[in-house]
Amino acid sequence: MSKPKIAAERVRALLDYDSETGVLTWRSRPPSAFEDGKHSAARKAAAWNVRLAGKRAGTLSVTDGYRHVSIDNCDYREHRIIWLWWHGEWPADQLDHDNHSHDDNRICNLIESTDPENRRNLPLRRDNKSGQAGVYWNRQKQQWFAAINTSEKRIFLGAFERLADAISTRKLAEAEHGYHKNHGV
């Protein structure tokens, strides 16, 4: 089941966004926002405003590394809410963080992308030993290998005696296949 798509007007009524810092903060709420007949709306509004108004919205998830914001009992990734707040509509597909930092939600760092585009802007894996994505040491052949993935398949780019040659071949292939300038950084 997919989560409900909240409207931009609702998001803007609940949150303020600072495009320079990429931070969402909770807005003050009037008593009318809490009229449910059970308790004093003024008391609920006052409690809300003391506790949360002006404070950063959302929490950092240790599971996926993204900040999440709960609105109307539904959890959203913060960068998607920011896109909606700023553009007035949900992204068509995925959002990519240009600089690979999941908690840098400045609008200038968010790029609308497809899954293949998103995969062409991945950070360097932690276990990479060559310093370049797609370049690895083949112990059996005692050579540096270079390869690249396209939407359709994995392409072997060659075996090299020198690491620099493998890296330059990989860089050329990245440019040819439309990889992002930050891929592997």
N, C-alpha and C. Protein backbone atom coordinates (compact mmCIF):
# COMPACT_ATOMS: atom_id res chain seq x y z
N MET A 1 0.83 -1.18 0.00
CA MET A 1 0.00 0.00 0.00
C MET A 1 0.88 1.24 0.00
N SER A 2 0.61 2.17 -0.91
CA SER A 2 1.42 3.38 -0.96
C SER A 2 0.88 4.41 0.02
N LYS A 3 1.77 5.28 0.47
CA LYS A 3 1.35 6.29 1.44
C LYS A 3 0.58 7.40 0.73
N PRO A 4 -0.32 8.07 1.46
CA PRO A 4 -1.09 9.15 0.84
C PRO A 4 -0.18 10.30 0.42
N LYS A 5 -0.52 10.90 -0.69
CA LYS A 5 0.26 12.05 -1.19
C LYS A 5 -0.35 13.32 -0.61
N ILE A 6 0.30 13.84 0.39
CA ILE A 6 -0.14 15.07 1.04
C ILE A 6 0.01 16.24 0.07
N ALA A 7 -0.84 17.25 0.20
CA ALA A 7 -0.82 18.41 -0.69
C ALA A 7 0.24 19.41 -0.25
N ALA A 8 0.77 20.15 -1.21
CA ALA A 8 1.79 21.17 -0.93
C ALA A 8 1.24 22.22 0.04
N GLU A 9 -0.03 22.58 -0.10
CA GLU A 9 -0.62 23.58 0.79
C GLU A 9 -0.60 23.12 2.24
N ARG A 10 -0.85 21.85 2.46
CA ARG A 10 -0.83 21.30 3.81
C ARG A 10 0.60 21.35 4.38
N VAL A 11 1.56 20.97 3.57
CA VAL A 11 2.96 20.98 4.00
C VAL A 11 3.39 22.40 4.35
N ARG A 12 3.03 23.37 3.50
CA ARG A 12 3.42 24.76 3.75
C ARG A 12 2.71 25.34 4.97
N ALA A 13 1.52 24.84 5.28
CA ALA A 13 0.80 25.32 6.46
C ALA A 13 1.45 24.80 7.75
N LEU A 14 2.10 23.64 7.66
CA LEU A 14 2.69 23.02 8.84
C LEU A 14 4.17 23.34 9.03
N LEU A 15 4.87 23.60 7.94
CA LEU A 15 6.33 23.70 7.99
C LEU A 15 6.87 24.94 7.30
N ASP A 16 7.99 25.44 7.80
CA ASP A 16 8.77 26.47 7.12
C ASP A 16 10.03 25.80 6.60
N TYR A 17 10.56 26.33 5.49
CA TYR A 17 11.75 25.76 4.89
C TYR A 17 12.77 26.86 4.64
N ASP A 18 14.01 26.60 5.03
CA ASP A 18 15.11 27.52 4.79
C ASP A 18 15.98 26.92 3.68
N SER A 19 15.91 27.51 2.48
CA SER A 19 16.63 26.95 1.33
C SER A 19 18.15 27.09 1.47
N GLU A 20 18.61 28.00 2.30
CA GLU A 20 20.06 28.18 2.50
C GLU A 20 20.65 27.04 3.34
N THR A 21 19.89 26.55 4.31
CA THR A 21 20.38 25.49 5.19
C THR A 21 19.79 24.13 4.86
N GLY A 22 18.66 24.12 4.16
CA GLY A 22 17.99 22.86 3.85
C GLY A 22 17.20 22.30 5.01
N VAL A 23 16.84 23.15 5.98
CA VAL A 23 16.19 22.69 7.21
C VAL A 23 14.70 23.04 7.20
N LEU A 24 13.89 22.06 7.58
CA LEU A 24 12.45 22.26 7.80
C LEU A 24 12.21 22.51 9.28
N THR A 25 11.37 23.48 9.60
CA THR A 25 10.98 23.72 11.00
C THR A 25 9.47 23.75 11.10
N TRP A 26 8.97 23.33 12.26
CA TRP A 26 7.53 23.33 12.50
C TRP A 26 7.02 24.75 12.69
N ARG A 27 5.89 25.05 12.10
CA ARG A 27 5.26 26.35 12.26
C ARG A 27 4.37 26.33 13.51
N SER A 28 4.10 27.49 14.01
CA SER A 28 3.16 27.65 15.12
C SER A 28 1.77 27.24 14.62
N ARG A 29 0.97 26.66 15.52
CA ARG A 29 -0.38 26.22 15.13
C ARG A 29 -1.44 26.95 15.95
N PRO A 30 -2.49 27.37 15.28
CA PRO A 30 -3.60 28.02 16.00
C PRO A 30 -4.48 26.99 16.68
N PRO A 31 -5.28 27.41 17.67
CA PRO A 31 -6.19 26.47 18.34
C PRO A 31 -7.13 25.74 17.38
N SER A 32 -7.51 26.39 16.28
CA SER A 32 -8.43 25.74 15.33
C SER A 32 -7.84 24.48 14.72
N ALA A 33 -6.53 24.33 14.74
CA ALA A 33 -5.89 23.14 14.20
C ALA A 33 -6.10 21.92 15.10
N PHE A 34 -6.59 22.16 16.33
CA PHE A 34 -6.73 21.07 17.30
C PHE A 34 -8.16 20.82 17.73
N GLU A 35 -9.11 21.37 17.05
CA GLU A 35 -10.51 21.19 17.45
C GLU A 35 -10.97 19.78 17.15
N ASP A 36 -11.07 18.98 18.19
CA ASP A 36 -11.57 17.61 18.02
C ASP A 36 -12.66 17.30 19.05
N GLY A 37 -12.97 18.27 19.89
CA GLY A 37 -14.06 18.09 20.84
C GLY A 37 -13.69 17.38 22.12
N LYS A 38 -12.52 16.77 22.21
CA LYS A 38 -12.16 16.00 23.40
C LYS A 38 -11.50 16.87 24.47
N HIS A 39 -10.58 17.72 24.07
CA HIS A 39 -9.85 18.54 25.03
C HIS A 39 -9.84 19.98 24.55
N SER A 40 -9.36 20.85 25.37
CA SER A 40 -9.29 22.26 25.03
C SER A 40 -8.33 22.47 23.87
N ALA A 41 -8.85 23.01 22.76
CA ALA A 41 -8.02 23.27 21.58
C ALA A 41 -6.94 24.29 21.91
N ALA A 42 -7.26 25.29 22.71
CA ALA A 42 -6.28 26.32 23.07
C ALA A 42 -5.13 25.70 23.86
N ARG A 43 -5.46 24.77 24.76
CA ARG A 43 -4.43 24.11 25.57
C ARG A 43 -3.53 23.24 24.68
N LYS A 44 -4.14 22.52 23.74
CA LYS A 44 -3.36 21.68 22.83
C LYS A 44 -2.45 22.53 21.94
N ALA A 45 -2.99 23.64 21.44
CA ALA A 45 -2.19 24.51 20.58
C ALA A 45 -1.03 25.10 21.37
N ALA A 46 -1.29 25.53 22.58
CA ALA A 46 -0.23 26.10 23.42
C ALA A 46 0.86 25.06 23.69
N ALA A 47 0.45 23.84 24.00
CA ALA A 47 1.42 22.78 24.27
C ALA A 47 2.25 22.47 23.02
N TRP A 48 1.58 22.38 21.89
CA TRP A 48 2.29 22.14 20.62
C TRP A 48 3.31 23.24 20.36
N ASN A 49 2.87 24.47 20.47
CA ASN A 49 3.73 25.59 20.13
C ASN A 49 4.93 25.72 21.07
N VAL A 50 4.73 25.42 22.35
CA VAL A 50 5.85 25.47 23.30
C VAL A 50 6.84 24.36 22.98
N ARG A 51 6.33 23.18 22.66
CA ARG A 51 7.18 22.01 22.46
C ARG A 51 7.86 21.98 21.09
N LEU A 52 7.14 22.38 20.01
CA LEU A 52 7.68 22.13 18.67
C LEU A 52 7.79 23.34 17.74
N ALA A 53 7.01 24.37 17.90
CA ALA A 53 7.05 25.49 16.96
C ALA A 53 8.45 26.10 16.90
N GLY A 54 8.95 26.26 15.67
CA GLY A 54 10.28 26.82 15.46
C GLY A 54 11.41 25.81 15.56
N LYS A 55 11.09 24.58 15.92
CA LYS A 55 12.12 23.54 16.07
C LYS A 55 12.23 22.73 14.77
N ARG A 56 13.38 22.13 14.58
CA ARG A 56 13.60 21.33 13.38
C ARG A 56 12.65 20.15 13.33
N ALA A 57 12.06 19.96 12.19
CA ALA A 57 11.13 18.85 12.00
C ALA A 57 11.90 17.58 11.65
N GLY A 58 11.33 16.46 12.00
CA GLY A 58 11.87 15.18 11.58
C GLY A 58 12.98 14.63 12.44
N THR A 59 13.34 13.41 12.10
CA THR A 59 14.40 12.70 12.81
C THR A 59 15.27 11.97 11.78
N LEU A 60 16.50 11.73 12.16
CA LEU A 60 17.43 11.00 11.31
C LEU A 60 17.24 9.51 11.53
N SER A 61 17.02 8.79 10.46
CA SER A 61 16.85 7.34 10.54
C SER A 61 18.21 6.66 10.48
N VAL A 62 18.49 5.83 11.48
CA VAL A 62 19.74 5.07 11.46
C VAL A 62 19.65 3.93 10.46
N THR A 63 18.45 3.57 10.07
CA THR A 63 18.25 2.48 9.12
C THR A 63 18.67 2.85 7.71
N ASP A 64 18.23 4.02 7.23
CA ASP A 64 18.53 4.38 5.84
C ASP A 64 19.37 5.64 5.67
N GLY A 65 19.67 6.34 6.76
CA GLY A 65 20.52 7.52 6.68
C GLY A 65 19.84 8.80 6.23
N TYR A 66 18.52 8.73 6.01
CA TYR A 66 17.76 9.90 5.60
C TYR A 66 17.00 10.48 6.80
N ARG A 67 16.70 11.78 6.73
CA ARG A 67 15.81 12.38 7.72
C ARG A 67 14.38 12.10 7.30
N HIS A 68 13.52 11.81 8.27
CA HIS A 68 12.11 11.52 8.02
C HIS A 68 11.25 12.49 8.81
N VAL A 69 10.12 12.89 8.23
CA VAL A 69 9.17 13.78 8.88
C VAL A 69 7.82 13.09 8.90
N SER A 70 7.17 13.11 10.05
CA SER A 70 5.84 12.51 10.19
C SER A 70 4.79 13.61 10.10
N ILE A 71 3.89 13.47 9.14
CA ILE A 71 2.80 14.43 8.95
C ILE A 71 1.50 13.63 8.87
N ASP A 72 0.55 14.01 9.72
CA ASP A 72 -0.75 13.33 9.75
C ASP A 72 -0.58 11.82 9.88
N ASN A 73 0.29 11.42 10.79
CA ASN A 73 0.57 10.01 11.09
C ASN A 73 1.12 9.22 9.91
N CYS A 74 1.79 9.90 9.00
CA CYS A 74 2.41 9.23 7.87
C CYS A 74 3.86 9.72 7.76
N ASP A 75 4.78 8.78 7.58
CA ASP A 75 6.20 9.08 7.55
C ASP A 75 6.67 9.35 6.12
N TYR A 76 7.37 10.49 5.92
CA TYR A 76 7.90 10.86 4.61
C TYR A 76 9.39 11.16 4.73
N ARG A 77 10.15 10.89 3.69
CA ARG A 77 11.54 11.32 3.68
C ARG A 77 11.56 12.84 3.53
N GLU A 78 12.39 13.46 4.34
CA GLU A 78 12.42 14.92 4.41
C GLU A 78 12.71 15.57 3.06
N HIS A 79 13.63 15.02 2.28
CA HIS A 79 13.97 15.67 1.01
C HIS A 79 12.79 15.66 0.04
N ARG A 80 11.92 14.67 0.13
CA ARG A 80 10.74 14.64 -0.74
C ARG A 80 9.71 15.69 -0.29
N ILE A 81 9.58 15.87 1.01
CA ILE A 81 8.69 16.91 1.53
C ILE A 81 9.21 18.29 1.12
N ILE A 82 10.52 18.46 1.18
CA ILE A 82 11.12 19.74 0.77
C ILE A 82 10.86 20.01 -0.71
N TRP A 83 11.00 19.00 -1.53
CA TRP A 83 10.73 19.16 -2.97
C TRP A 83 9.27 19.61 -3.17
N LEU A 84 8.37 18.96 -2.48
CA LEU A 84 6.95 19.32 -2.56
C LEU A 84 6.72 20.74 -2.07
N TRP A 85 7.33 21.10 -0.95
CA TRP A 85 7.19 22.45 -0.38
C TRP A 85 7.67 23.49 -1.39
N TRP A 86 8.82 23.24 -2.01
CA TRP A 86 9.46 24.21 -2.89
C TRP A 86 8.78 24.29 -4.25
N HIS A 87 8.51 23.14 -4.86
CA HIS A 87 8.00 23.09 -6.24
C HIS A 87 6.48 23.01 -6.33
N GLY A 88 5.81 22.68 -5.22
CA GLY A 88 4.36 22.58 -5.24
C GLY A 88 3.84 21.27 -5.81
N GLU A 89 4.74 20.35 -6.10
CA GLU A 89 4.32 19.03 -6.61
C GLU A 89 5.36 18.00 -6.22
N TRP A 90 4.92 16.76 -6.18
CA TRP A 90 5.82 15.66 -5.84
C TRP A 90 6.78 15.42 -7.00
N PRO A 91 7.98 14.93 -6.70
CA PRO A 91 8.89 14.57 -7.79
C PRO A 91 8.28 13.45 -8.64
N ALA A 92 8.57 13.48 -9.93
CA ALA A 92 8.00 12.48 -10.83
C ALA A 92 8.51 11.07 -10.51
N ASP A 93 9.76 10.97 -10.07
CA ASP A 93 10.34 9.66 -9.79
C ASP A 93 11.19 9.76 -8.52
N GLN A 94 12.49 9.67 -8.65
CA GLN A 94 13.38 9.71 -7.50
C GLN A 94 14.04 11.08 -7.36
N LEU A 95 14.60 11.31 -6.17
CA LEU A 95 15.42 12.49 -5.94
C LEU A 95 16.82 12.02 -5.59
N ASP A 96 17.81 12.70 -6.14
CA ASP A 96 19.21 12.38 -5.88
C ASP A 96 19.83 13.57 -5.15
N HIS A 97 20.72 13.28 -4.22
CA HIS A 97 21.48 14.32 -3.55
C HIS A 97 22.77 14.50 -4.35
N ASP A 98 22.93 15.65 -4.97
CA ASP A 98 24.06 15.92 -5.85
C ASP A 98 25.39 15.62 -5.19
N ASN A 99 25.55 16.00 -3.92
CA ASN A 99 26.84 15.82 -3.24
C ASN A 99 26.90 14.54 -2.39
N HIS A 100 25.93 13.65 -2.56
CA HIS A 100 25.86 12.35 -1.88
C HIS A 100 25.53 12.43 -0.40
N SER A 101 25.31 13.60 0.14
CA SER A 101 25.03 13.74 1.56
C SER A 101 23.52 13.73 1.78
N HIS A 102 23.00 12.65 2.36
CA HIS A 102 21.56 12.49 2.55
C HIS A 102 20.94 13.51 3.49
N ASP A 103 21.76 14.16 4.31
CA ASP A 103 21.18 15.15 5.21
C ASP A 103 21.39 16.59 4.72
N ASP A 104 21.91 16.75 3.51
CA ASP A 104 22.03 18.08 2.90
C ASP A 104 20.83 18.28 1.98
N ASN A 105 19.77 18.86 2.55
CA ASN A 105 18.52 18.99 1.81
C ASN A 105 18.26 20.41 1.31
N ARG A 106 19.34 21.12 0.99
CA ARG A 106 19.18 22.40 0.31
C ARG A 106 18.60 22.10 -1.07
N ILE A 107 17.69 22.93 -1.52
CA ILE A 107 17.01 22.67 -2.80
C ILE A 107 18.02 22.59 -3.95
N CYS A 108 19.13 23.35 -3.85
CA CYS A 108 20.15 23.31 -4.90
C CYS A 108 20.90 21.98 -4.93
N ASN A 109 20.77 21.16 -3.90
CA ASN A 109 21.45 19.86 -3.84
C ASN A 109 20.53 18.71 -4.26
N LEU A 110 19.25 18.99 -4.47
CA LEU A 110 18.29 17.94 -4.83
C LEU A 110 18.07 17.94 -6.34
N ILE A 111 18.19 16.75 -6.93
CA ILE A 111 18.05 16.60 -8.38
C ILE A 111 16.97 15.55 -8.64
N GLU A 112 16.00 15.89 -9.45
CA GLU A 112 15.00 14.92 -9.86
C GLU A 112 15.68 13.94 -10.81
N SER A 113 15.49 12.63 -10.58
CA SER A 113 16.19 11.64 -11.40
C SER A 113 15.38 10.35 -11.50
N THR A 114 15.83 9.51 -12.41
CA THR A 114 15.29 8.16 -12.53
C THR A 114 16.23 7.22 -11.79
N ASP A 115 15.84 5.97 -11.64
CA ASP A 115 16.71 5.01 -10.96
C ASP A 115 18.06 4.84 -11.67
N PRO A 116 18.09 4.67 -13.00
CA PRO A 116 19.40 4.56 -13.66
C PRO A 116 20.25 5.82 -13.48
N GLU A 117 19.65 6.99 -13.54
CA GLU A 117 20.39 8.24 -13.33
C GLU A 117 20.94 8.30 -11.92
N ASN A 118 20.13 7.89 -10.96
CA ASN A 118 20.54 7.90 -9.56
C ASN A 118 21.74 6.97 -9.35
N ARG A 119 21.73 5.83 -10.01
CA ARG A 119 22.84 4.88 -9.87
C ARG A 119 24.12 5.38 -10.54
N ARG A 120 24.01 6.38 -11.42
CA ARG A 120 25.21 6.95 -12.05
C ARG A 120 25.77 8.11 -11.22
N ASN A 121 25.26 8.27 -10.00
CA ASN A 121 25.80 9.26 -9.07
C ASN A 121 25.91 8.65 -7.68
N LEU A 122 26.63 7.55 -7.59
CA LEU A 122 26.82 6.88 -6.30
C LEU A 122 28.17 7.27 -5.71
N PRO A 123 28.26 7.30 -4.38
CA PRO A 123 29.56 7.56 -3.77
C PRO A 123 30.47 6.34 -3.93
N LEU A 124 31.74 6.55 -3.71
CA LEU A 124 32.70 5.45 -3.76
C LEU A 124 32.40 4.47 -2.63
N ARG A 125 32.37 3.20 -2.94
CA ARG A 125 32.10 2.19 -1.92
C ARG A 125 33.21 2.18 -0.87
N ARG A 126 32.83 1.88 0.35
CA ARG A 126 33.81 1.86 1.45
C ARG A 126 34.88 0.81 1.27
N ASP A 127 34.54 -0.27 0.60
CA ASP A 127 35.51 -1.36 0.42
C ASP A 127 36.37 -1.21 -0.84
N ASN A 128 36.24 -0.08 -1.55
CA ASN A 128 37.02 0.15 -2.75
C ASN A 128 38.48 0.39 -2.39
N LYS A 129 39.38 -0.30 -3.07
CA LYS A 129 40.81 -0.17 -2.76
C LYS A 129 41.58 0.63 -3.80
N SER A 130 40.98 0.84 -4.97
CA SER A 130 41.69 1.55 -6.04
C SER A 130 41.50 3.07 -5.96
N GLY A 131 40.46 3.50 -5.27
CA GLY A 131 40.16 4.93 -5.23
C GLY A 131 39.30 5.38 -6.39
N GLN A 132 38.89 4.47 -7.26
CA GLN A 132 38.06 4.79 -8.43
C GLN A 132 37.00 3.72 -8.58
N ALA A 133 35.75 4.16 -8.67
CA ALA A 133 34.66 3.21 -8.90
C ALA A 133 34.91 2.46 -10.20
N GLY A 134 34.63 1.17 -10.19
CA GLY A 134 34.76 0.36 -11.40
C GLY A 134 36.17 -0.08 -11.74
N VAL A 135 37.12 0.20 -10.86
CA VAL A 135 38.51 -0.22 -11.08
C VAL A 135 38.91 -1.10 -9.90
N TYR A 136 39.42 -2.29 -10.19
CA TYR A 136 39.78 -3.22 -9.13
C TYR A 136 40.98 -4.07 -9.53
N TRP A 137 41.67 -4.58 -8.52
CA TRP A 137 42.85 -5.41 -8.72
C TRP A 137 42.42 -6.86 -8.89
N ASN A 138 42.89 -7.49 -9.97
CA ASN A 138 42.64 -8.91 -10.20
C ASN A 138 43.89 -9.66 -9.75
N ARG A 139 43.77 -10.34 -8.62
CA ARG A 139 44.91 -11.03 -8.03
C ARG A 139 45.44 -12.14 -8.93
N GLN A 140 44.54 -12.85 -9.57
CA GLN A 140 44.95 -13.97 -10.41
C GLN A 140 45.77 -13.50 -11.62
N LYS A 141 45.34 -12.44 -12.27
CA LYS A 141 46.04 -11.92 -13.46
C LYS A 141 47.13 -10.90 -13.10
N GLN A 142 47.10 -10.44 -11.82
CA GLN A 142 48.06 -9.43 -11.37
C GLN A 142 47.99 -8.17 -12.25
N GLN A 143 46.73 -7.74 -12.48
CA GLN A 143 46.49 -6.54 -13.28
C GLN A 143 45.30 -5.77 -12.71
N TRP A 144 45.24 -4.50 -13.09
CA TRP A 144 44.08 -3.67 -12.74
C TRP A 144 43.02 -3.87 -13.82
N PHE A 145 41.80 -4.13 -13.39
CA PHE A 145 40.68 -4.28 -14.31
C PHE A 145 39.78 -3.06 -14.19
N ALA A 146 39.18 -2.69 -15.31
CA ALA A 146 38.20 -1.60 -15.32
C ALA A 146 36.93 -2.11 -15.97
N ALA A 147 35.80 -1.72 -15.40
CA ALA A 147 34.50 -2.13 -15.94
C ALA A 147 33.50 -1.02 -15.63
N ILE A 148 32.38 -1.04 -16.34
CA ILE A 148 31.33 -0.05 -16.11
C ILE A 148 29.98 -0.71 -16.34
N ASN A 149 28.98 -0.28 -15.58
CA ASN A 149 27.62 -0.79 -15.75
C ASN A 149 26.81 0.23 -16.53
N THR A 150 26.07 -0.26 -17.52
CA THR A 150 25.10 0.57 -18.22
C THR A 150 23.72 0.06 -17.82
N SER A 151 22.70 0.66 -18.34
CA SER A 151 21.34 0.20 -18.02
C SER A 151 21.13 -1.24 -18.47
N GLU A 152 21.81 -1.62 -19.53
CA GLU A 152 21.59 -2.95 -20.11
C GLU A 152 22.54 -4.02 -19.59
N LYS A 153 23.82 -3.65 -19.38
CA LYS A 153 24.80 -4.70 -19.06
C LYS A 153 26.06 -4.12 -18.42
N ARG A 154 26.92 -5.03 -17.98
CA ARG A 154 28.25 -4.67 -17.46
C ARG A 154 29.24 -4.80 -18.61
N ILE A 155 30.05 -3.77 -18.80
CA ILE A 155 31.02 -3.75 -19.89
C ILE A 155 32.43 -3.81 -19.31
N PHE A 156 33.19 -4.80 -19.75
CA PHE A 156 34.59 -4.91 -19.35
C PHE A 156 35.39 -3.95 -20.21
N LEU A 157 36.15 -3.07 -19.58
CA LEU A 157 36.88 -2.03 -20.30
C LEU A 157 38.34 -2.39 -20.57
N GLY A 158 38.84 -3.40 -19.87
CA GLY A 158 40.21 -3.82 -20.13
C GLY A 158 40.99 -4.17 -18.88
N ALA A 159 42.17 -4.74 -19.11
CA ALA A 159 43.11 -5.08 -18.04
C ALA A 159 44.35 -4.22 -18.25
N PHE A 160 44.91 -3.71 -17.14
CA PHE A 160 45.99 -2.72 -17.23
C PHE A 160 47.09 -3.03 -16.23
N GLU A 161 48.32 -2.77 -16.65
CA GLU A 161 49.47 -2.91 -15.76
C GLU A 161 49.48 -1.78 -14.73
N ARG A 162 49.12 -0.57 -15.20
CA ARG A 162 49.17 0.62 -14.35
C ARG A 162 47.77 1.04 -13.91
N LEU A 163 47.65 1.37 -12.63
CA LEU A 163 46.39 1.85 -12.06
C LEU A 163 45.92 3.10 -12.80
N ALA A 164 46.82 4.02 -13.10
CA ALA A 164 46.45 5.28 -13.77
C ALA A 164 45.77 5.01 -15.11
N ASP A 165 46.21 4.00 -15.83
CA ASP A 165 45.60 3.68 -17.13
C ASP A 165 44.18 3.14 -16.95
N ALA A 166 43.99 2.31 -15.95
CA ALA A 166 42.65 1.77 -15.66
C ALA A 166 41.70 2.90 -15.26
N ILE A 167 42.20 3.81 -14.43
CA ILE A 167 41.37 4.93 -13.97
C ILE A 167 40.99 5.84 -15.14
N SER A 168 41.95 6.19 -15.99
CA SER A 168 41.63 7.08 -17.11
C SER A 168 40.65 6.43 -18.08
N THR A 169 40.78 5.12 -18.30
CA THR A 169 39.84 4.40 -19.17
C THR A 169 38.44 4.43 -18.56
N ARG A 170 38.35 4.20 -17.25
CA ARG A 170 37.05 4.22 -16.57
C ARG A 170 36.43 5.63 -16.65
N LYS A 171 37.23 6.67 -16.43
CA LYS A 171 36.73 8.05 -16.50
C LYS A 171 36.17 8.37 -17.88
N LEU A 172 36.85 7.94 -18.92
CA LEU A 172 36.35 8.15 -20.29
C LEU A 172 35.02 7.44 -20.50
N ALA A 173 34.92 6.22 -19.99
CA ALA A 173 33.67 5.46 -20.13
C ALA A 173 32.54 6.11 -19.35
N GLU A 174 32.83 6.68 -18.18
CA GLU A 174 31.80 7.39 -17.40
C GLU A 174 31.25 8.56 -18.19
N ALA A 175 32.12 9.32 -18.82
CA ALA A 175 31.68 10.46 -19.63
C ALA A 175 30.83 9.98 -20.81
N GLU A 176 31.27 8.92 -21.44
CA GLU A 176 30.56 8.38 -22.60
C GLU A 176 29.17 7.87 -22.24
N HIS A 177 29.01 7.32 -21.04
CA HIS A 177 27.74 6.72 -20.62
C HIS A 177 26.90 7.63 -19.74
N GLY A 178 27.26 8.90 -19.64
CA GLY A 178 26.43 9.87 -18.94
C GLY A 178 26.46 9.79 -17.42
N TYR A 179 27.56 9.37 -16.86
CA TYR A 179 27.67 9.33 -15.41
C TYR A 179 27.80 10.75 -14.86
N HIS A 180 27.33 10.95 -13.66
CA HIS A 180 27.38 12.26 -12.99
C HIS A 180 28.83 12.58 -12.63
N LYS A 181 29.17 13.87 -12.62
CA LYS A 181 30.55 14.28 -12.31
C LYS A 181 30.99 13.85 -10.91
N ASN A 182 30.03 13.64 -9.99
CA ASN A 182 30.37 13.25 -8.61
C ASN A 182 30.35 11.74 -8.40
N HIS A 183 30.09 10.97 -9.44
CA HIS A 183 30.05 9.53 -9.27
C HIS A 183 31.39 9.01 -8.76
N GLY A 184 31.35 8.23 -7.70
CA GLY A 184 32.56 7.65 -7.16
C GLY A 184 33.39 8.57 -6.30
N VAL A 185 32.85 9.74 -5.99
CA VAL A 185 33.58 10.69 -5.13
C VAL A 185 33.32 10.34 -3.69
